[in-house]
C-alpha atoms as a PDB file:
ATOM      1  CA  UNK A   1      -0.014  -0.024   0.006  1.00  0.00           C
ATOM      2  CA  UNK A   2       1.170   3.441  -0.660  1.00  0.00           C
ATOM      3  CA  UNK A   3      -0.756   6.144   1.024  1.00  0.00           C
ATOM      4  CA  UNK A   4      -1.795   8.941  -1.667  1.00  0.00           C
ATOM      5  CA  UNK A   5      -0.501  12.042   0.180  1.00  0.00           C
ATOM      6  CA  UNK A   6       1.088  10.411   3.331  1.00  0.00           C
ATOM      7  CA  UNK A   7       3.807   9.692   1.601  1.00  0.00           C
ATOM      8  CA  UNK A   8       7.437  11.585   1.696  1.00  0.00           C
ATOM      9  CA  UNK A   9       7.878  10.399  -1.754  1.00  0.00           C
ATOM     10  CA  UNK A  10       4.988  10.780  -3.368  1.00  0.00           C
ATOM     11  CA  UNK A  11       5.262  14.043  -1.170  1.00  0.00           C
ATOM     12  CA  UNK A  12       8.386  14.202  -3.614  1.00  0.00           C
ATOM     13  CA  UNK A  13       6.248  13.722  -6.705  1.00  0.00           C
ATOM     14  CA  UNK A  14       3.841  16.064  -6.276  1.00  0.00           C
ATOM     15  CA  UNK A  15       6.212  19.093  -5.705  1.00  0.00           C
ATOM     16  CA  UNK A  16       7.454  18.996  -9.618  1.00  0.00           C
ATOM     17  CA  UNK A  17       4.278  20.446 -10.468  1.00  0.00           C
ATOM     18  CA  UNK A  18       5.583  23.275  -8.612  1.00  0.00           C
ATOM     19  CA  UNK A  19       9.133  22.915  -9.740  1.00  0.00           C
ATOM     20  CA  UNK A  20       7.946  23.138 -13.533  1.00  0.00           C
ATOM     21  CA  UNK A  21       5.755  25.856 -13.226  1.00  0.00           C
ATOM     22  CA  UNK A  22       9.136  28.044 -11.306  1.00  0.00           C
ATOM     23  CA  UNK A  23      11.168  26.963 -14.054  1.00  0.00           C
ATOM     24  CA  UNK A  24       8.268  28.099 -16.594  1.00  0.00           C
ATOM     25  CA  UNK A  25       6.793  31.252 -15.710  1.00  0.00           C
ATOM     26  CA  UNK A  26       9.704  33.694 -13.786  1.00  0.00           C
ATOM     27  CA  UNK A  27       9.604  36.454 -11.672  1.00  0.00           C
ATOM     28  CA  UNK A  28       6.648  34.813  -9.862  1.00  0.00           C
ATOM     29  CA  UNK A  29       5.602  36.420  -6.261  1.00  0.00           C
ATOM     30  CA  UNK A  30       3.660  34.050  -4.380  1.00  0.00           C
ATOM     31  CA  UNK A  31       2.506  30.375  -5.214  1.00  0.00           C
ATOM     32  CA  UNK A  32      -1.176  29.077  -4.113  1.00  0.00           C
ATOM     33  CA  UNK A  33      -2.007  25.443  -4.002  1.00  0.00           C
ATOM     34  CA  UNK A  34      -4.995  23.716  -2.590  1.00  0.00           C
ATOM     35  CA  UNK A  35      -5.200  21.647   0.715  1.00  0.00           C
ATOM     36  CA  UNK A  36      -7.073  18.527   1.359  1.00  0.00           C
ATOM     37  CA  UNK A  37      -5.093  15.807   2.599  1.00  0.00           C
ATOM     38  CA  UNK A  38      -1.847  18.411   2.306  1.00  0.00           C
ATOM     39  CA  UNK A  39       0.841  16.177   0.419  1.00  0.00           C
ATOM     40  CA  UNK A  40       0.259  18.432  -3.121  1.00  0.00           C
ATOM     41  CA  UNK A  41       0.371  21.537  -1.090  1.00  0.00           C
ATOM     42  CA  UNK A  42       3.054  19.969   0.665  1.00  0.00           C
ATOM     43  CA  UNK A  43       5.151  19.021  -2.000  1.00  0.00           C
ATOM     44  CA  UNK A  44       4.785  22.333  -3.704  1.00  0.00           C
ATOM     45  CA  UNK A  45       5.966  24.408  -0.288  1.00  0.00           C
ATOM     46  CA  UNK A  46       9.833  22.311  -0.091  1.00  0.00           C
ATOM     47  CA  UNK A  47      10.026  22.845  -3.805  1.00  0.00           C
ATOM     48  CA  UNK A  48       9.451  26.508  -3.749  1.00  0.00           C
ATOM     49  CA  UNK A  49      11.030  27.145  -1.187  1.00  0.00           C
ATOM     50  CA  UNK A  50      13.566  25.482  -1.997  1.00  0.00           C
ATOM     51  CA  UNK A  51      14.530  26.596  -5.332  1.00  0.00           C
ATOM     52  CA  UNK A  52      12.986  30.165  -4.670  1.00  0.00           C
ATOM     53  CA  UNK A  53      13.175  30.698  -0.691  1.00  0.00           C
ATOM     54  CA  UNK A  54      11.496  34.734  -0.953  1.00  0.00           C
ATOM     55  CA  UNK A  55       8.865  33.039  -2.596  1.00  0.00           C
ATOM     56  CA  UNK A  56       5.309  33.597  -0.385  1.00  0.00           C
ATOM     57  CA  UNK A  57       3.559  30.225  -0.311  1.00  0.00           C
ATOM     58  CA  UNK A  58      -0.427  30.281   0.075  1.00  0.00           C
ATOM     59  CA  UNK A  59      -2.988  27.612   1.110  1.00  0.00           C
ATOM     60  CA  UNK A  60      -6.502  27.549  -0.105  1.00  0.00           C
ATOM     61  CA  UNK A  61      -9.594  25.860   1.628  1.00  0.00           C
ATOM     62  CA  UNK A  62     -12.987  25.333   1.543  1.00  0.00           C
ATOM     63  CA  UNK A  63     -14.555  26.783   4.603  1.00  0.00           C
ATOM     64  CA  UNK A  64     -16.335  23.335   4.441  1.00  0.00           C
ATOM     65  CA  UNK A  65     -13.761  21.555   4.820  1.00  0.00           C
ATOM     66  CA  UNK A  66     -11.409  23.533   6.859  1.00  0.00           C
ATOM     67  CA  UNK A  67      -9.090  21.841   9.131  1.00  0.00           C
ATOM     68  CA  UNK A  68      -5.554  22.539   7.596  1.00  0.00           C
ATOM     69  CA  UNK A  69      -6.969  26.015   8.193  1.00  0.00           C
ATOM     70  CA  UNK A  70      -7.843  24.817  12.397  1.00  0.00           C
ATOM     71  CA  UNK A  71      -4.771  23.135  12.623  1.00  0.00           C
ATOM     72  CA  UNK A  72      -2.656  25.730  11.260  1.00  0.00           C
ATOM     73  CA  UNK A  73      -4.524  29.058  13.461  1.00  0.00           C
ATOM     74  CA  UNK A  74      -4.061  26.580  16.943  1.00  0.00           C
ATOM     75  CA  UNK A  75      -0.303  24.912  16.153  1.00  0.00           C
ATOM     76  CA  UNK A  76      -1.375  22.155  16.632  1.00  0.00           C
ATOM     77  CA  UNK A  77      -2.788  18.965  14.286  1.00  0.00           C
ATOM     78  CA  UNK A  78      -7.098  18.750  14.224  1.00  0.00           C
ATOM     79  CA  UNK A  79      -8.381  16.124  12.228  1.00  0.00           C
ATOM     80  CA  UNK A  80     -11.319  16.534   9.279  1.00  0.00           C
ATOM     81  CA  UNK A  81     -14.756  16.011  11.058  1.00  0.00           C
ATOM     82  CA  UNK A  82     -17.525  15.882   8.680  1.00  0.00           C
ATOM     83  CA  UNK A  83     -16.677  17.808   5.840  1.00  0.00           C
ATOM     84  CA  UNK A  84     -19.472  19.550   3.950  1.00  0.00           C
ATOM     85  CA  UNK A  85     -17.728  20.745  -0.034  1.00  0.00           C
ATOM     86  CA  UNK A  86     -18.693  20.650  -3.349  1.00  0.00           C
ATOM     87  CA  UNK A  87     -14.444  20.269  -3.967  1.00  0.00           C
ATOM     88  CA  UNK A  88     -14.331  16.550  -3.022  1.00  0.00           C
ATOM     89  CA  UNK A  89     -10.884  16.360  -3.543  1.00  0.00           C
ATOM     90  CA  UNK A  90     -10.743  18.235  -0.430  1.00  0.00           C
ATOM     91  CA  UNK A  91     -12.553  16.622   2.092  1.00  0.00           C
ATOM     92  CA  UNK A  92      -9.998  14.241   3.553  1.00  0.00           C
ATOM     93  CA  UNK A  93      -7.936  14.860   6.674  1.00  0.00           C
ATOM     94  CA  UNK A  94      -4.341  16.358   6.821  1.00  0.00           C
ATOM     95  CA  UNK A  95      -1.413  13.927   8.417  1.00  0.00           C
ATOM     96  CA  UNK A  96       0.674  14.303  11.138  1.00  0.00           C
ATOM     97  CA  UNK A  97       3.575  14.425   8.205  1.00  0.00           C
ATOM     98  CA  UNK A  98       1.664  17.054   5.881  1.00  0.00           C
ATOM     99  CA  UNK A  99       0.711  19.171   8.840  1.00  0.00           C
ATOM    100  CA  UNK A 100       4.370  19.220  10.361  1.00  0.00           C
ATOM    101  CA  UNK A 101       5.629  20.761   5.946  1.00  0.00           C
ATOM    102  CA  UNK A 102       2.568  22.995   6.336  1.00  0.00           C
ATOM    103  CA  UNK A 103       3.005  24.526   9.373  1.00  0.00           C
ATOM    104  CA  UNK A 104       6.805  25.081   8.907  1.00  0.00           C
ATOM    105  CA  UNK A 105       6.476  26.359   5.383  1.00  0.00           C
ATOM    106  CA  UNK A 106       3.247  27.905   4.424  1.00  0.00           C
ATOM    107  CA  UNK A 107       2.986  32.054   5.470  1.00  0.00           C
ATOM    108  CA  UNK A 108      -1.084  31.007   5.194  1.00  0.00           C
ATOM    109  CA  UNK A 109      -4.235  29.686   4.643  1.00  0.00           C
ATOM    110  CA  UNK A 110      -6.647  31.557   2.866  1.00  0.00           C
ATOM    111  CA  UNK A 111     -10.890  29.854   3.440  1.00  0.00           C
ATOM    112  CA  UNK A 112     -12.979  29.972   0.641  1.00  0.00           C
ATOM    113  CA  UNK A 113     -16.986  29.934   0.444  1.00  0.00           C
ATOM    114  CA  UNK A 114     -19.226  27.276  -1.670  1.00  0.00           C
ATOM    115  CA  UNK A 115     -20.358  30.299  -3.809  1.00  0.00           C
ATOM    116  CA  UNK A 116     -16.706  31.365  -3.977  1.00  0.00           C
ATOM    117  CA  UNK A 117     -15.186  28.185  -5.783  1.00  0.00           C
ATOM    118  CA  UNK A 118     -18.059  27.392  -8.118  1.00  0.00           C
ATOM    119  CA  UNK A 119     -17.531  31.187  -9.338  1.00  0.00           C
ATOM    120  CA  UNK A 120     -13.751  30.366  -9.724  1.00  0.00           C
ATOM    121  CA  UNK A 121     -14.480  26.850 -11.469  1.00  0.00           C
ATOM    122  CA  UNK A 122     -17.206  28.732 -14.397  1.00  0.00           C
ATOM    123  CA  UNK A 123     -14.401  30.987 -15.053  1.00  0.00           C
ATOM    124  CA  UNK A 124     -11.915  28.780 -14.928  1.00  0.00           C
ATOM    125  CA  UNK A 125     -14.656  26.547 -17.133  1.00  0.00           C
ATOM    126  CA  UNK A 126     -15.860  29.474 -19.535  1.00  0.00           C
ATOM    127  CA  UNK A 127     -12.791  32.245 -20.329  1.00  0.00           C
ATOM    128  CA  UNK A 128      -9.988  29.120 -20.243  1.00  0.00           C
ATOM    129  CA  UNK A 129     -11.845  26.472 -21.454  1.00  0.00           C
ATOM    130  CA  UNK A 130     -10.066  23.842 -19.041  1.00  0.00           C
ATOM    131  CA  UNK A 131     -12.188  21.252 -16.946  1.00  0.00           C
ATOM    132  CA  UNK A 132     -10.992  21.448 -13.832  1.00  0.00           C
ATOM    133  CA  UNK A 133     -12.308  19.787 -10.596  1.00  0.00           C
ATOM    134  CA  UNK A 134     -14.157  22.004  -8.335  1.00  0.00           C
ATOM    135  CA  UNK A 135     -10.638  21.207  -5.761  1.00  0.00           C
ATOM    136  CA  UNK A 136      -8.437  23.071  -8.391  1.00  0.00           C
ATOM    137  CA  UNK A 137     -10.877  26.032  -8.478  1.00  0.00           C
ATOM    138  CA  UNK A 138     -10.145  26.754  -4.454  1.00  0.00           C
ATOM    139  CA  UNK A 139      -6.698  28.220  -5.409  1.00  0.00           C
ATOM    140  CA  UNK A 140      -8.258  30.326  -7.685  1.00  0.00           C
ATOM    141  CA  UNK A 141     -11.327  31.745  -5.460  1.00  0.00           C
ATOM    142  CA  UNK A 142      -8.823  32.616  -3.116  1.00  0.00           C
ATOM    143  CA  UNK A 143      -7.064  35.048  -5.571  1.00  0.00           C
ATOM    144  CA  UNK A 144     -10.522  36.571  -6.365  1.00  0.00           C
ATOM    145  CA  UNK A 145     -11.750  36.594  -2.691  1.00  0.00           C
ATOM    146  CA  UNK A 146      -8.096  38.641  -1.998  1.00  0.00           C
ATOM    147  CA  UNK A 147      -7.389  40.778  -4.170  1.00  0.00           C
ATOM    148  CA  UNK A 148      -5.676  43.311  -2.120  1.00  0.00           C
ATOM    149  CA  UNK A 149      -2.943  40.210  -0.634  1.00  0.00           C
ATOM    150  CA  UNK A 150      -2.518  39.682  -4.633  1.00  0.00           C
ATOM    151  CA  UNK A 151      -2.771  42.356  -6.052  1.00  0.00           C
ATOM    152  CA  UNK A 152       0.278  43.373  -8.227  1.00  0.00           C
ATOM    153  CA  UNK A 153       2.050  40.130  -7.529  1.00  0.00           C
ATOM    154  CA  UNK A 154       2.931  37.633 -10.288  1.00  0.00           C
ATOM    155  CA  UNK A 155       1.048  34.204  -8.617  1.00  0.00           C
ATOM    156  CA  UNK A 156       0.881  31.097  -9.572  1.00  0.00           C
ATOM    157  CA  UNK A 157      -1.560  29.025  -9.051  1.00  0.00           C
ATOM    158  CA  UNK A 158      -1.557  25.272  -8.880  1.00  0.00           C
ATOM    159  CA  UNK A 159      -4.732  23.435 -10.729  1.00  0.00           C
ATOM    160  CA  UNK A 160      -4.580  20.287  -9.687  1.00  0.00           C
ATOM    161  CA  UNK A 161      -7.038  17.390 -11.477  1.00  0.00           C
ATOM    162  CA  UNK A 162      -9.611  17.257 -13.672  1.00  0.00           C
ATOM    163  CA  UNK A 163     -12.181  14.724 -12.091  1.00  0.00           C
ATOM    164  CA  UNK A 164     -15.011  16.454 -12.605  1.00  0.00           C
ATOM    165  CA  UNK A 165     -18.454  14.882 -11.441  1.00  0.00           C
ATOM    166  CA  UNK A 166     -21.120  16.362 -14.059  1.00  0.00           C
ATOM    167  CA  UNK A 167     -23.568  14.594 -11.848  1.00  0.00           C
ATOM    168  CA  UNK A 168     -22.634  16.051  -9.056  1.00  0.00           C
ATOM    169  CA  UNK A 169     -22.088  19.849 -10.438  1.00  0.00           C
ATOM    170  CA  UNK A 170     -25.715  20.502 -11.396  1.00  0.00           C
ATOM    171  CA  UNK A 171     -26.474  23.933  -9.399  1.00  0.00           C
ATOM    172  CA  UNK A 172     -22.751  25.024 -11.640  1.00  0.00           C
ATOM    173  CA  UNK A 173     -23.835  23.661 -14.644  1.00  0.00           C
END
């Protein structure tokens, strides 16, 4: 059994998304990724810190599944309980490993509403013509919801996954 996010090798592999982003887009000042179990975010944070230490590193999470935000603010691991979000890929809980990486490497975690997730999802679908899943829309929603934080800063957004169950997204369509 190989755990999908609570595994150093998986985290290292997921960090290649940020590595490739930083290689392809010079001059980024911020990177932001979604957080569920924390594997992709952990890999993103580690890669960003090592490749460009001055880069601001943020996470984005749905309000209805905000165990990472709660843990980050409390300074201790708080497991996910009863998550409620359209972003089904972010309903899982952090692990002790991913929480420790996030706690030590993330500048902040931003939470977004379901309405913000749906708005961001529609913008990406309609304007960029990219099919992303609701979980991937979460960091873009955080950018849209926090314009003062991101204004004037070149920002890289990790868009993760296209596992969109259209029947589950009737309210979006």
